[in-house]
């Protein structure tokens, strides 16, 4: 028995980031909404004793109900969020991340709006991602999340909608596209999703390791899953795979084959095309970003490898998800 329903449940997935989690929970547990009106569910994908202790200690100091859940079975951000909302008592499920800082009126703004507009099934708030005066390419790229529609750092879904949709697709094993998938599933059903800019979350951009953009190319793998499930909506809302990447890889393959076959002129042409496109890519990434020697070297190195890695993950995703169709969206 869940007991009496609350106005809202906040789900915060985490994985071995207790310092960031503590900062997030301090903000989430001190909302303008009365503590008796909402609960906070922390889903720990690492099942860490330290994280459990942190949440237990905070629970004794806050007025809202603070719950710790160790994620079992499937893992990843999608699975962690599912583990949270499935234990929720709130009529509205709010999602944010452990590295975010919700504003004091964040939850009240969304709850009040959704209660006044019963035809609204889901919403997303305003995401603020402060940038330094001269950002790196990674920081500028990450800040693009602030203009995205319906991201799990700041979104709200009615519990009945989550139940009907089956939650997040746990095949999205990294923090990428699982929110777009849920959004597209709701759109395919004709549900109403709105923007509530008064619900503000600050999302500081965390420091990243040198060459982080290479790791991020794995996103192309999950882009393929999203496109398989929602081809029409992806064509309308998701940028296509960069043709320049394909051209760079194709020129490299042609150049290598031409060299092996002794066709010198073709090898030179192919290498020239690949070099020109790669140089253009480097300059594009350096435009309006840091020109420190370290950053320039990083841009050159990663720009050479990114098209190849992205294409590899694209092809791997096309093979791995070859049996996935758009049936889920069509049936819901």
C-alpha atoms as a PDB file:
ATOM      1  CA  UNK A   1       0.000   0.000   0.000  1.00  0.00           C
ATOM      2  CA  UNK A   2       1.403   3.380  -0.993  1.00  0.00           C
ATOM      3  CA  UNK A   3      -0.798   5.319   1.400  1.00  0.00           C
ATOM      4  CA  UNK A   4      -2.393   8.647   0.629  1.00  0.00           C
ATOM      5  CA  UNK A   5      -1.153  10.281  -2.599  1.00  0.00           C
ATOM      6  CA  UNK A   6       1.087  13.327  -2.474  1.00  0.00           C
ATOM      7  CA  UNK A   7       1.038  16.296  -4.811  1.00  0.00           C
ATOM      8  CA  UNK A   8       4.420  15.335  -6.236  1.00  0.00           C
ATOM      9  CA  UNK A   9       7.302  12.877  -6.079  1.00  0.00           C
ATOM     10  CA  UNK A  10      10.825  13.930  -7.031  1.00  0.00           C
ATOM     11  CA  UNK A  11      13.084  11.231  -8.495  1.00  0.00           C
ATOM     12  CA  UNK A  12      16.846  11.801  -8.322  1.00  0.00           C
ATOM     13  CA  UNK A  13      19.049   9.058  -9.828  1.00  0.00           C
ATOM     14  CA  UNK A  14      22.655   8.983  -8.652  1.00  0.00           C
ATOM     15  CA  UNK A  15      25.864   7.047  -9.130  1.00  0.00           C
ATOM     16  CA  UNK A  16      28.835   7.612  -6.817  1.00  0.00           C
ATOM     17  CA  UNK A  17      28.575  11.410  -6.713  1.00  0.00           C
ATOM     18  CA  UNK A  18      27.729  12.000  -3.068  1.00  0.00           C
ATOM     19  CA  UNK A  19      29.078  15.549  -2.942  1.00  0.00           C
ATOM     20  CA  UNK A  20      26.895  16.613  -5.859  1.00  0.00           C
ATOM     21  CA  UNK A  21      23.948  14.613  -4.537  1.00  0.00           C
ATOM     22  CA  UNK A  22      24.127  16.355  -1.167  1.00  0.00           C
ATOM     23  CA  UNK A  23      24.039  19.747  -2.878  1.00  0.00           C
ATOM     24  CA  UNK A  24      21.067  18.692  -5.020  1.00  0.00           C
ATOM     25  CA  UNK A  25      19.101  17.233  -2.109  1.00  0.00           C
ATOM     26  CA  UNK A  26      19.627  20.357  -0.033  1.00  0.00           C
ATOM     27  CA  UNK A  27      17.823  22.305  -2.763  1.00  0.00           C
ATOM     28  CA  UNK A  28      15.153  19.667  -3.421  1.00  0.00           C
ATOM     29  CA  UNK A  29      14.307  19.247   0.259  1.00  0.00           C
ATOM     30  CA  UNK A  30      13.969  22.994   0.812  1.00  0.00           C
ATOM     31  CA  UNK A  31      11.306  23.786  -1.740  1.00  0.00           C
ATOM     32  CA  UNK A  32       8.585  26.389  -1.212  1.00  0.00           C
ATOM     33  CA  UNK A  33       6.090  23.521  -1.379  1.00  0.00           C
ATOM     34  CA  UNK A  34       5.195  22.194   2.058  1.00  0.00           C
ATOM     35  CA  UNK A  35       7.271  19.179   3.073  1.00  0.00           C
ATOM     36  CA  UNK A  36       4.124  17.139   3.678  1.00  0.00           C
ATOM     37  CA  UNK A  37       3.022  17.651   0.068  1.00  0.00           C
ATOM     38  CA  UNK A  38       5.880  15.882  -1.687  1.00  0.00           C
ATOM     39  CA  UNK A  39       8.502  13.192  -1.347  1.00  0.00           C
ATOM     40  CA  UNK A  40      12.025  12.732  -2.708  1.00  0.00           C
ATOM     41  CA  UNK A  41      13.205   9.352  -3.981  1.00  0.00           C
ATOM     42  CA  UNK A  42      16.947   8.831  -4.491  1.00  0.00           C
ATOM     43  CA  UNK A  43      17.711   5.854  -6.715  1.00  0.00           C
ATOM     44  CA  UNK A  44      21.290   4.683  -6.289  1.00  0.00           C
ATOM     45  CA  UNK A  45      22.619   2.828  -9.332  1.00  0.00           C
ATOM     46  CA  UNK A  46      25.758   1.875  -7.393  1.00  0.00           C
ATOM     47  CA  UNK A  47      23.898   0.594  -4.307  1.00  0.00           C
ATOM     48  CA  UNK A  48      26.569   2.374  -2.275  1.00  0.00           C
ATOM     49  CA  UNK A  49      26.600   2.180   1.510  1.00  0.00           C
ATOM     50  CA  UNK A  50      28.039   5.700   1.646  1.00  0.00           C
ATOM     51  CA  UNK A  51      25.180   7.074  -0.462  1.00  0.00           C
ATOM     52  CA  UNK A  52      22.609   5.255   1.643  1.00  0.00           C
ATOM     53  CA  UNK A  53      24.134   6.712   4.789  1.00  0.00           C
ATOM     54  CA  UNK A  54      24.076  10.205   3.282  1.00  0.00           C
ATOM     55  CA  UNK A  55      20.397   9.936   2.355  1.00  0.00           C
ATOM     56  CA  UNK A  56      19.469   8.442   5.738  1.00  0.00           C
ATOM     57  CA  UNK A  57      21.184  11.262   7.594  1.00  0.00           C
ATOM     58  CA  UNK A  58      19.540  13.917   5.435  1.00  0.00           C
ATOM     59  CA  UNK A  59      16.154  12.246   5.886  1.00  0.00           C
ATOM     60  CA  UNK A  60      16.334  12.870   9.626  1.00  0.00           C
ATOM     61  CA  UNK A  61      16.846  16.588   9.059  1.00  0.00           C
ATOM     62  CA  UNK A  62      14.197  17.385   6.450  1.00  0.00           C
ATOM     63  CA  UNK A  63      10.434  17.808   6.603  1.00  0.00           C
ATOM     64  CA  UNK A  64       9.709  16.041   3.327  1.00  0.00           C
ATOM     65  CA  UNK A  65       9.782  12.269   2.955  1.00  0.00           C
ATOM     66  CA  UNK A  66      13.261  11.274   1.697  1.00  0.00           C
ATOM     67  CA  UNK A  67      13.630   7.697   0.468  1.00  0.00           C
ATOM     68  CA  UNK A  68      16.698   5.703  -0.572  1.00  0.00           C
ATOM     69  CA  UNK A  69      16.326   3.006  -3.245  1.00  0.00           C
ATOM     70  CA  UNK A  70      19.174   0.712  -4.293  1.00  0.00           C
ATOM     71  CA  UNK A  71      18.725  -0.080  -7.989  1.00  0.00           C
ATOM     72  CA  UNK A  72      18.532  -3.820  -8.669  1.00  0.00           C
ATOM     73  CA  UNK A  73      18.471  -5.722 -11.940  1.00  0.00           C
ATOM     74  CA  UNK A  74      18.905  -3.487 -14.974  1.00  0.00           C
ATOM     75  CA  UNK A  75      21.185  -0.485 -14.571  1.00  0.00           C
ATOM     76  CA  UNK A  76      21.681   2.899 -16.198  1.00  0.00           C
ATOM     77  CA  UNK A  77      19.898   6.265 -15.856  1.00  0.00           C
ATOM     78  CA  UNK A  78      16.668   5.023 -17.462  1.00  0.00           C
ATOM     79  CA  UNK A  79      16.476   1.992 -15.173  1.00  0.00           C
ATOM     80  CA  UNK A  80      17.299   4.132 -12.129  1.00  0.00           C
ATOM     81  CA  UNK A  81      14.502   6.583 -12.912  1.00  0.00           C
ATOM     82  CA  UNK A  82      12.081   3.708 -13.414  1.00  0.00           C
ATOM     83  CA  UNK A  83      13.023   2.293 -10.027  1.00  0.00           C
ATOM     84  CA  UNK A  84      12.160   5.680  -8.525  1.00  0.00           C
ATOM     85  CA  UNK A  85       8.840   6.578 -10.068  1.00  0.00           C
ATOM     86  CA  UNK A  86       7.472   3.062  -9.598  1.00  0.00           C
ATOM     87  CA  UNK A  87       7.686   3.598  -5.836  1.00  0.00           C
ATOM     88  CA  UNK A  88       6.245   7.105  -5.995  1.00  0.00           C
ATOM     89  CA  UNK A  89       3.027   8.216  -4.304  1.00  0.00           C
ATOM     90  CA  UNK A  90       2.855  11.608  -6.011  1.00  0.00           C
ATOM     91  CA  UNK A  91       0.263  12.510  -8.611  1.00  0.00           C
ATOM     92  CA  UNK A  92       3.029  14.293 -10.526  1.00  0.00           C
ATOM     93  CA  UNK A  93       6.489  12.774 -10.990  1.00  0.00           C
ATOM     94  CA  UNK A  94       9.332  15.308 -11.129  1.00  0.00           C
ATOM     95  CA  UNK A  95      12.753  14.356 -12.451  1.00  0.00           C
ATOM     96  CA  UNK A  96      16.071  16.052 -11.889  1.00  0.00           C
ATOM     97  CA  UNK A  97      19.709  14.907 -11.758  1.00  0.00           C
ATOM     98  CA  UNK A  98      22.151  14.679  -8.878  1.00  0.00           C
ATOM     99  CA  UNK A  99      24.377  17.401 -10.389  1.00  0.00           C
ATOM    100  CA  UNK A 100      21.510  19.887 -10.639  1.00  0.00           C
ATOM    101  CA  UNK A 101      20.313  22.609  -8.253  1.00  0.00           C
ATOM    102  CA  UNK A 102      16.546  23.202  -8.464  1.00  0.00           C
ATOM    103  CA  UNK A 103      15.326  26.669  -7.558  1.00  0.00           C
ATOM    104  CA  UNK A 104      13.244  27.062  -4.416  1.00  0.00           C
ATOM    105  CA  UNK A 105       9.994  27.499  -6.385  1.00  0.00           C
ATOM    106  CA  UNK A 106      10.844  24.789  -8.929  1.00  0.00           C
ATOM    107  CA  UNK A 107       8.428  22.131  -7.742  1.00  0.00           C
ATOM    108  CA  UNK A 108       5.588  24.459  -6.745  1.00  0.00           C
ATOM    109  CA  UNK A 109       5.602  26.154 -10.150  1.00  0.00           C
ATOM    110  CA  UNK A 110       5.181  22.873 -12.018  1.00  0.00           C
ATOM    111  CA  UNK A 111       2.702  21.327  -9.571  1.00  0.00           C
ATOM    112  CA  UNK A 112       0.500  24.412  -9.508  1.00  0.00           C
ATOM    113  CA  UNK A 113       0.490  24.677 -13.296  1.00  0.00           C
ATOM    114  CA  UNK A 114      -0.367  21.019 -13.863  1.00  0.00           C
ATOM    115  CA  UNK A 115      -3.109  21.075 -11.233  1.00  0.00           C
ATOM    116  CA  UNK A 116      -4.680  24.146 -12.862  1.00  0.00           C
ATOM    117  CA  UNK A 117      -4.439  22.541 -16.311  1.00  0.00           C
ATOM    118  CA  UNK A 118      -5.678  18.934 -16.087  1.00  0.00           C
ATOM    119  CA  UNK A 119      -5.328  18.551 -19.876  1.00  0.00           C
ATOM    120  CA  UNK A 120      -1.527  18.817 -19.513  1.00  0.00           C
ATOM    121  CA  UNK A 121       0.126  15.396 -19.316  1.00  0.00           C
ATOM    122  CA  UNK A 122       3.779  16.414 -18.964  1.00  0.00           C
ATOM    123  CA  UNK A 123       5.964  19.501 -18.775  1.00  0.00           C
ATOM    124  CA  UNK A 124       9.530  20.693 -18.734  1.00  0.00           C
ATOM    125  CA  UNK A 125      11.031  23.677 -16.988  1.00  0.00           C
ATOM    126  CA  UNK A 126      13.823  26.171 -17.588  1.00  0.00           C
ATOM    127  CA  UNK A 127      17.364  24.800 -17.439  1.00  0.00           C
ATOM    128  CA  UNK A 128      20.120  27.309 -16.668  1.00  0.00           C
ATOM    129  CA  UNK A 129      23.663  26.241 -17.574  1.00  0.00           C
ATOM    130  CA  UNK A 130      26.157  29.032 -16.807  1.00  0.00           C
ATOM    131  CA  UNK A 131      29.136  29.283 -19.161  1.00  0.00           C
ATOM    132  CA  UNK A 132      32.524  30.950 -18.637  1.00  0.00           C
ATOM    133  CA  UNK A 133      33.324  33.975 -20.797  1.00  0.00           C
ATOM    134  CA  UNK A 134      35.433  31.789 -23.108  1.00  0.00           C
ATOM    135  CA  UNK A 135      34.101  28.227 -22.953  1.00  0.00           C
ATOM    136  CA  UNK A 136      35.712  25.065 -24.212  1.00  0.00           C
ATOM    137  CA  UNK A 137      34.099  23.116 -27.024  1.00  0.00           C
ATOM    138  CA  UNK A 138      32.822  20.614 -24.460  1.00  0.00           C
ATOM    139  CA  UNK A 139      31.257  23.339 -22.317  1.00  0.00           C
ATOM    140  CA  UNK A 140      29.585  25.004 -25.288  1.00  0.00           C
ATOM    141  CA  UNK A 141      28.270  21.663 -26.516  1.00  0.00           C
ATOM    142  CA  UNK A 142      26.961  20.704 -23.061  1.00  0.00           C
ATOM    143  CA  UNK A 143      25.169  24.055 -22.684  1.00  0.00           C
ATOM    144  CA  UNK A 144      22.982  23.144 -25.657  1.00  0.00           C
ATOM    145  CA  UNK A 145      20.960  21.066 -23.212  1.00  0.00           C
ATOM    146  CA  UNK A 146      19.505  24.318 -21.849  1.00  0.00           C
ATOM    147  CA  UNK A 147      17.558  24.869 -25.079  1.00  0.00           C
ATOM    148  CA  UNK A 148      16.353  21.288 -25.445  1.00  0.00           C
ATOM    149  CA  UNK A 149      12.725  20.271 -25.015  1.00  0.00           C
ATOM    150  CA  UNK A 150      11.830  17.876 -22.195  1.00  0.00           C
ATOM    151  CA  UNK A 151      15.092  16.808 -20.570  1.00  0.00           C
ATOM    152  CA  UNK A 152      15.254  14.669 -17.434  1.00  0.00           C
ATOM    153  CA  UNK A 153      17.265  17.309 -15.606  1.00  0.00           C
ATOM    154  CA  UNK A 154      13.999  19.259 -15.299  1.00  0.00           C
ATOM    155  CA  UNK A 155      10.779  17.573 -16.352  1.00  0.00           C
ATOM    156  CA  UNK A 156       7.437  16.466 -14.932  1.00  0.00           C
ATOM    157  CA  UNK A 157       5.061  13.660 -15.939  1.00  0.00           C
ATOM    158  CA  UNK A 158       1.749  12.579 -14.461  1.00  0.00           C
ATOM    159  CA  UNK A 159       2.102   9.208 -12.745  1.00  0.00           C
ATOM    160  CA  UNK A 160      -0.762   7.727 -14.765  1.00  0.00           C
ATOM    161  CA  UNK A 161       1.066   8.672 -17.977  1.00  0.00           C
ATOM    162  CA  UNK A 162       4.261   7.007 -16.758  1.00  0.00           C
ATOM    163  CA  UNK A 163       2.298   3.881 -15.926  1.00  0.00           C
ATOM    164  CA  UNK A 164       0.594   3.768 -19.323  1.00  0.00           C
ATOM    165  CA  UNK A 165       3.855   4.387 -21.195  1.00  0.00           C
ATOM    166  CA  UNK A 166       5.770   1.821 -19.178  1.00  0.00           C
ATOM    167  CA  UNK A 167       8.359   4.343 -18.063  1.00  0.00           C
ATOM    168  CA  UNK A 168      11.745   4.909 -19.667  1.00  0.00           C
ATOM    169  CA  UNK A 169      13.119   2.427 -22.181  1.00  0.00           C
ATOM    170  CA  UNK A 170      15.994   0.780 -20.302  1.00  0.00           C
ATOM    171  CA  UNK A 171      17.826  -0.036 -23.524  1.00  0.00           C
ATOM    172  CA  UNK A 172      19.088   3.560 -23.367  1.00  0.00           C
ATOM    173  CA  UNK A 173      21.920   2.615 -21.016  1.00  0.00           C
ATOM    174  CA  UNK A 174      23.601   6.024 -20.856  1.00  0.00           C
ATOM    175  CA  UNK A 175      22.189   9.469 -20.129  1.00  0.00           C
ATOM    176  CA  UNK A 176      21.213  10.124 -23.725  1.00  0.00           C
ATOM    177  CA  UNK A 177      17.912  10.070 -25.625  1.00  0.00           C
ATOM    178  CA  UNK A 178      15.906   8.226 -22.961  1.00  0.00           C
ATOM    179  CA  UNK A 179      14.035  11.479 -22.301  1.00  0.00           C
ATOM    180  CA  UNK A 180      13.499  12.117 -26.021  1.00  0.00           C
ATOM    181  CA  UNK A 181      12.127   8.601 -26.356  1.00  0.00           C
ATOM    182  CA  UNK A 182       9.569   9.142 -23.590  1.00  0.00           C
ATOM    183  CA  UNK A 183       8.677  12.547 -25.042  1.00  0.00           C
ATOM    184  CA  UNK A 184       8.150  11.082 -28.520  1.00  0.00           C
ATOM    185  CA  UNK A 185       6.095   8.230 -27.082  1.00  0.00           C
ATOM    186  CA  UNK A 186       3.780  10.753 -25.443  1.00  0.00           C
ATOM    187  CA  UNK A 187       3.578  12.869 -28.604  1.00  0.00           C
ATOM    188  CA  UNK A 188       2.715   9.768 -30.625  1.00  0.00           C
ATOM    189  CA  UNK A 189      -0.244   9.258 -28.305  1.00  0.00           C
ATOM    190  CA  UNK A 190      -1.414  12.841 -28.793  1.00  0.00           C
ATOM    191  CA  UNK A 191      -0.625  13.873 -25.219  1.00  0.00           C
ATOM    192  CA  UNK A 192      -0.035  17.504 -24.305  1.00  0.00           C
ATOM    193  CA  UNK A 193       3.463  18.530 -23.181  1.00  0.00           C
ATOM    194  CA  UNK A 194       4.085  22.148 -22.178  1.00  0.00           C
ATOM    195  CA  UNK A 195       6.902  24.430 -21.084  1.00  0.00           C
ATOM    196  CA  UNK A 196       6.771  25.903 -17.557  1.00  0.00           C
ATOM    197  CA  UNK A 197       9.652  28.417 -17.504  1.00  0.00           C
ATOM    198  CA  UNK A 198       8.962  29.358 -13.887  1.00  0.00           C
ATOM    199  CA  UNK A 199      10.227  25.911 -12.862  1.00  0.00           C
ATOM    200  CA  UNK A 200      13.947  26.691 -12.846  1.00  0.00           C
ATOM    201  CA  UNK A 201      16.856  24.295 -12.388  1.00  0.00           C
ATOM    202  CA  UNK A 202      20.504  25.368 -12.450  1.00  0.00           C
ATOM    203  CA  UNK A 203      22.738  22.764 -14.066  1.00  0.00           C
ATOM    204  CA  UNK A 204      26.412  23.646 -13.568  1.00  0.00           C
ATOM    205  CA  UNK A 205      28.651  22.146 -16.237  1.00  0.00           C
ATOM    206  CA  UNK A 206      30.994  19.746 -14.520  1.00  0.00           C
ATOM    207  CA  UNK A 207      34.702  19.583 -15.416  1.00  0.00           C
ATOM    208  CA  UNK A 208      35.463  16.914 -17.989  1.00  0.00           C
ATOM    209  CA  UNK A 209      38.527  14.859 -18.816  1.00  0.00           C
ATOM    210  CA  UNK A 210      40.727  15.829 -21.750  1.00  0.00           C
ATOM    211  CA  UNK A 211      39.355  14.200 -24.903  1.00  0.00           C
ATOM    212  CA  UNK A 212      35.870  13.665 -23.424  1.00  0.00           C
ATOM    213  CA  UNK A 213      34.306  14.186 -26.848  1.00  0.00           C
ATOM    214  CA  UNK A 214      35.678  10.825 -27.974  1.00  0.00           C
ATOM    215  CA  UNK A 215      33.751   9.013 -25.243  1.00  0.00           C
ATOM    216  CA  UNK A 216      30.610  10.934 -26.171  1.00  0.00           C
ATOM    217  CA  UNK A 217      30.537   9.450 -29.665  1.00  0.00           C
ATOM    218  CA  UNK A 218      28.821   6.447 -28.135  1.00  0.00           C
ATOM    219  CA  UNK A 219      25.689   8.579 -28.307  1.00  0.00           C
ATOM    220  CA  UNK A 220      25.402   7.712 -32.019  1.00  0.00           C
ATOM    221  CA  UNK A 221      24.645   4.135 -30.963  1.00  0.00           C
ATOM    222  CA  UNK A 222      21.564   5.231 -29.019  1.00  0.00           C
ATOM    223  CA  UNK A 223      20.559   7.777 -31.662  1.00  0.00           C
ATOM    224  CA  UNK A 224      19.995   4.745 -33.864  1.00  0.00           C
ATOM    225  CA  UNK A 225      17.612   3.188 -31.346  1.00  0.00           C
ATOM    226  CA  UNK A 226      15.633   6.417 -31.149  1.00  0.00           C
ATOM    227  CA  UNK A 227      15.411   6.675 -34.932  1.00  0.00           C
ATOM    228  CA  UNK A 228      14.265   3.064 -35.200  1.00  0.00           C
ATOM    229  CA  UNK A 229      11.461   3.658 -32.725  1.00  0.00           C
ATOM    230  CA  UNK A 230      10.328   7.117 -33.863  1.00  0.00           C
ATOM    231  CA  UNK A 231      11.415   7.681 -37.488  1.00  0.00           C
ATOM    232  CA  UNK A 232       8.964  10.463 -38.303  1.00  0.00           C
ATOM    233  CA  UNK A 233       9.462  12.441 -35.094  1.00  0.00           C
ATOM    234  CA  UNK A 234      13.237  12.060 -35.327  1.00  0.00           C
ATOM    235  CA  UNK A 235      13.190  13.375 -38.877  1.00  0.00           C
ATOM    236  CA  UNK A 236      11.291  16.404 -37.599  1.00  0.00           C
ATOM    237  CA  UNK A 237      13.153  17.118 -34.349  1.00  0.00           C
ATOM    238  CA  UNK A 238      16.550  15.361 -34.284  1.00  0.00           C
ATOM    239  CA  UNK A 239      19.490  16.577 -36.410  1.00  0.00           C
ATOM    240  CA  UNK A 240      20.631  13.944 -38.935  1.00  0.00           C
ATOM    241  CA  UNK A 241      23.959  12.186 -38.688  1.00  0.00           C
ATOM    242  CA  UNK A 242      26.569  14.651 -40.039  1.00  0.00           C
ATOM    243  CA  UNK A 243      27.261  14.082 -43.726  1.00  0.00           C
ATOM    244  CA  UNK A 244      30.721  15.563 -43.186  1.00  0.00           C
ATOM    245  CA  UNK A 245      31.569  12.598 -40.947  1.00  0.00           C
ATOM    246  CA  UNK A 246      30.581  10.169 -43.680  1.00  0.00           C
ATOM    247  CA  UNK A 247      32.575  12.154 -46.243  1.00  0.00           C
ATOM    248  CA  UNK A 248      35.687  12.112 -44.026  1.00  0.00           C
ATOM    249  CA  UNK A 249      35.450   8.375 -43.428  1.00  0.00           C
ATOM    250  CA  UNK A 250      34.727   7.672 -47.103  1.00  0.00           C
ATOM    251  CA  UNK A 251      37.688   9.767 -48.230  1.00  0.00           C
ATOM    252  CA  UNK A 252      39.925   7.935 -45.779  1.00  0.00           C
ATOM    253  CA  UNK A 253      38.804   4.525 -47.011  1.00  0.00           C
ATOM    254  CA  UNK A 254      39.156   5.538 -50.668  1.00  0.00           C
ATOM    255  CA  UNK A 255      42.581   7.040 -49.983  1.00  0.00           C
ATOM    256  CA  UNK A 256      43.800   3.854 -48.310  1.00  0.00           C
ATOM    257  CA  UNK A 257      42.483   1.607 -51.071  1.00  0.00           C
ATOM    258  CA  UNK A 258      43.916   3.855 -53.758  1.00  0.00           C
ATOM    259  CA  UNK A 259      47.302   3.772 -52.037  1.00  0.00           C
ATOM    260  CA  UNK A 260      47.241  -0.021 -51.801  1.00  0.00           C
ATOM    261  CA  UNK A 261      46.257  -0.281 -55.473  1.00  0.00           C
ATOM    262  CA  UNK A 262      48.912   2.196 -56.542  1.00  0.00           C
ATOM    263  CA  UNK A 263      46.481   4.817 -57.878  1.00  0.00           C
ATOM    264  CA  UNK A 264      48.455   7.828 -56.749  1.00  0.00           C
ATOM    265  CA  UNK A 265      46.282  10.620 -58.091  1.00  0.00           C
ATOM    266  CA  UNK A 266      43.131   9.191 -56.491  1.00  0.00           C
ATOM    267  CA  UNK A 267      44.932   8.700 -53.193  1.00  0.00           C
ATOM    268  CA  UNK A 268      46.066  12.343 -53.171  1.00  0.00           C
ATOM    269  CA  UNK A 269      42.579  13.618 -54.031  1.00  0.00           C
ATOM    270  CA  UNK A 270      40.922  11.517 -51.328  1.00  0.00           C
ATOM    271  CA  UNK A 271      43.485  12.485 -48.686  1.00  0.00           C
ATOM    272  CA  UNK A 272      43.138  16.147 -49.687  1.00  0.00           C
ATOM    273  CA  UNK A 273      39.362  16.027 -49.288  1.00  0.00           C
ATOM    274  CA  UNK A 274      39.627  14.324 -45.904  1.00  0.00           C
ATOM    275  CA  UNK A 275      42.247  16.799 -44.694  1.00  0.00           C
ATOM    276  CA  UNK A 276      40.185  19.803 -45.819  1.00  0.00           C
ATOM    277  CA  UNK A 277      37.008  18.547 -44.154  1.00  0.00           C
ATOM    278  CA  UNK A 278      38.850  17.708 -40.945  1.00  0.00           C
ATOM    279  CA  UNK A 279      40.500  21.130 -40.845  1.00  0.00           C
ATOM    280  CA  UNK A 280      37.122  22.749 -41.356  1.00  0.00           C
ATOM    281  CA  UNK A 281      35.773  20.676 -38.456  1.00  0.00           C
ATOM    282  CA  UNK A 282      38.618  21.794 -36.180  1.00  0.00           C
ATOM    283  CA  UNK A 283      38.082  25.467 -37.022  1.00  0.00           C
ATOM    284  CA  UNK A 284      34.340  25.151 -36.452  1.00  0.00           C
ATOM    285  CA  UNK A 285      34.909  23.732 -32.967  1.00  0.00           C
ATOM    286  CA  UNK A 286      37.417  26.456 -32.134  1.00  0.00           C
ATOM    287  CA  UNK A 287      35.108  29.261 -33.236  1.00  0.00           C
ATOM    288  CA  UNK A 288      34.108  31.281 -30.140  1.00  0.00           C
ATOM    289  CA  UNK A 289      35.786  28.785 -27.812  1.00  0.00           C
ATOM    290  CA  UNK A 290      39.083  28.690 -25.926  1.00  0.00           C
ATOM    291  CA  UNK A 291      42.279  29.081 -27.952  1.00  0.00           C
ATOM    292  CA  UNK A 292      44.593  27.832 -25.230  1.00  0.00           C
ATOM    293  CA  UNK A 293      47.333  25.511 -26.553  1.00  0.00           C
ATOM    294  CA  UNK A 294      45.905  22.601 -24.579  1.00  0.00           C
ATOM    295  CA  UNK A 295      42.440  23.107 -26.044  1.00  0.00           C
ATOM    296  CA  UNK A 296      43.743  23.558 -29.597  1.00  0.00           C
ATOM    297  CA  UNK A 297      45.681  20.294 -29.387  1.00  0.00           C
ATOM    298  CA  UNK A 298      42.603  18.559 -28.002  1.00  0.00           C
ATOM    299  CA  UNK A 299      40.460  19.867 -30.868  1.00  0.00           C
ATOM    300  CA  UNK A 300      42.943  18.687 -33.503  1.00  0.00           C
ATOM    301  CA  UNK A 301      43.369  15.251 -31.960  1.00  0.00           C
ATOM    302  CA  UNK A 302      39.693  14.569 -31.292  1.00  0.00           C
ATOM    303  CA  UNK A 303      38.501  16.054 -34.605  1.00  0.00           C
ATOM    304  CA  UNK A 304      40.597  13.493 -36.458  1.00  0.00           C
ATOM    305  CA  UNK A 305      39.019  10.606 -34.565  1.00  0.00           C
ATOM    306  CA  UNK A 306      35.432  11.761 -33.977  1.00  0.00           C
ATOM    307  CA  UNK A 307      34.066  11.049 -37.495  1.00  0.00           C
ATOM    308  CA  UNK A 308      35.467   7.516 -37.379  1.00  0.00           C
ATOM    309  CA  UNK A 309      34.175   6.758 -33.892  1.00  0.00           C
ATOM    310  CA  UNK A 310      30.754   8.276 -34.539  1.00  0.00           C
ATOM    311  CA  UNK A 311      30.399   6.304 -37.776  1.00  0.00           C
ATOM    312  CA  UNK A 312      31.485   3.111 -36.025  1.00  0.00           C
ATOM    313  CA  UNK A 313      28.842   3.539 -33.313  1.00  0.00           C
ATOM    314  CA  UNK A 314      26.241   4.455 -35.920  1.00  0.00           C
ATOM    315  CA  UNK A 315      26.880   1.242 -37.854  1.00  0.00           C
ATOM    316  CA  UNK A 316      27.040  -0.801 -34.651  1.00  0.00           C
ATOM    317  CA  UNK A 317      23.693   0.623 -33.570  1.00  0.00           C
ATOM    318  CA  UNK A 318      22.127  -0.066 -36.968  1.00  0.00           C
ATOM    319  CA  UNK A 319      23.164  -3.714 -36.643  1.00  0.00           C
ATOM    320  CA  UNK A 320      22.375  -4.109 -32.933  1.00  0.00           C
ATOM    321  CA  UNK A 321      18.911  -2.521 -33.184  1.00  0.00           C
ATOM    322  CA  UNK A 322      18.105  -3.940 -36.618  1.00  0.00           C
ATOM    323  CA  UNK A 323      15.038  -5.737 -35.254  1.00  0.00           C
ATOM    324  CA  UNK A 324      13.555  -2.646 -33.580  1.00  0.00           C
ATOM    325  CA  UNK A 325      10.596  -1.036 -35.304  1.00  0.00           C
ATOM    326  CA  UNK A 326       8.233   1.838 -34.625  1.00  0.00           C
ATOM    327  CA  UNK A 327       5.572  -0.508 -33.284  1.00  0.00           C
ATOM    328  CA  UNK A 328       5.793   0.754 -29.692  1.00  0.00           C
ATOM    329  CA  UNK A 329       4.933   4.340 -30.637  1.00  0.00           C
ATOM    330  CA  UNK A 330       2.230   3.242 -33.022  1.00  0.00           C
ATOM    331  CA  UNK A 331       0.533   0.956 -30.525  1.00  0.00           C
ATOM    332  CA  UNK A 332       0.499   3.338 -27.548  1.00  0.00           C
END
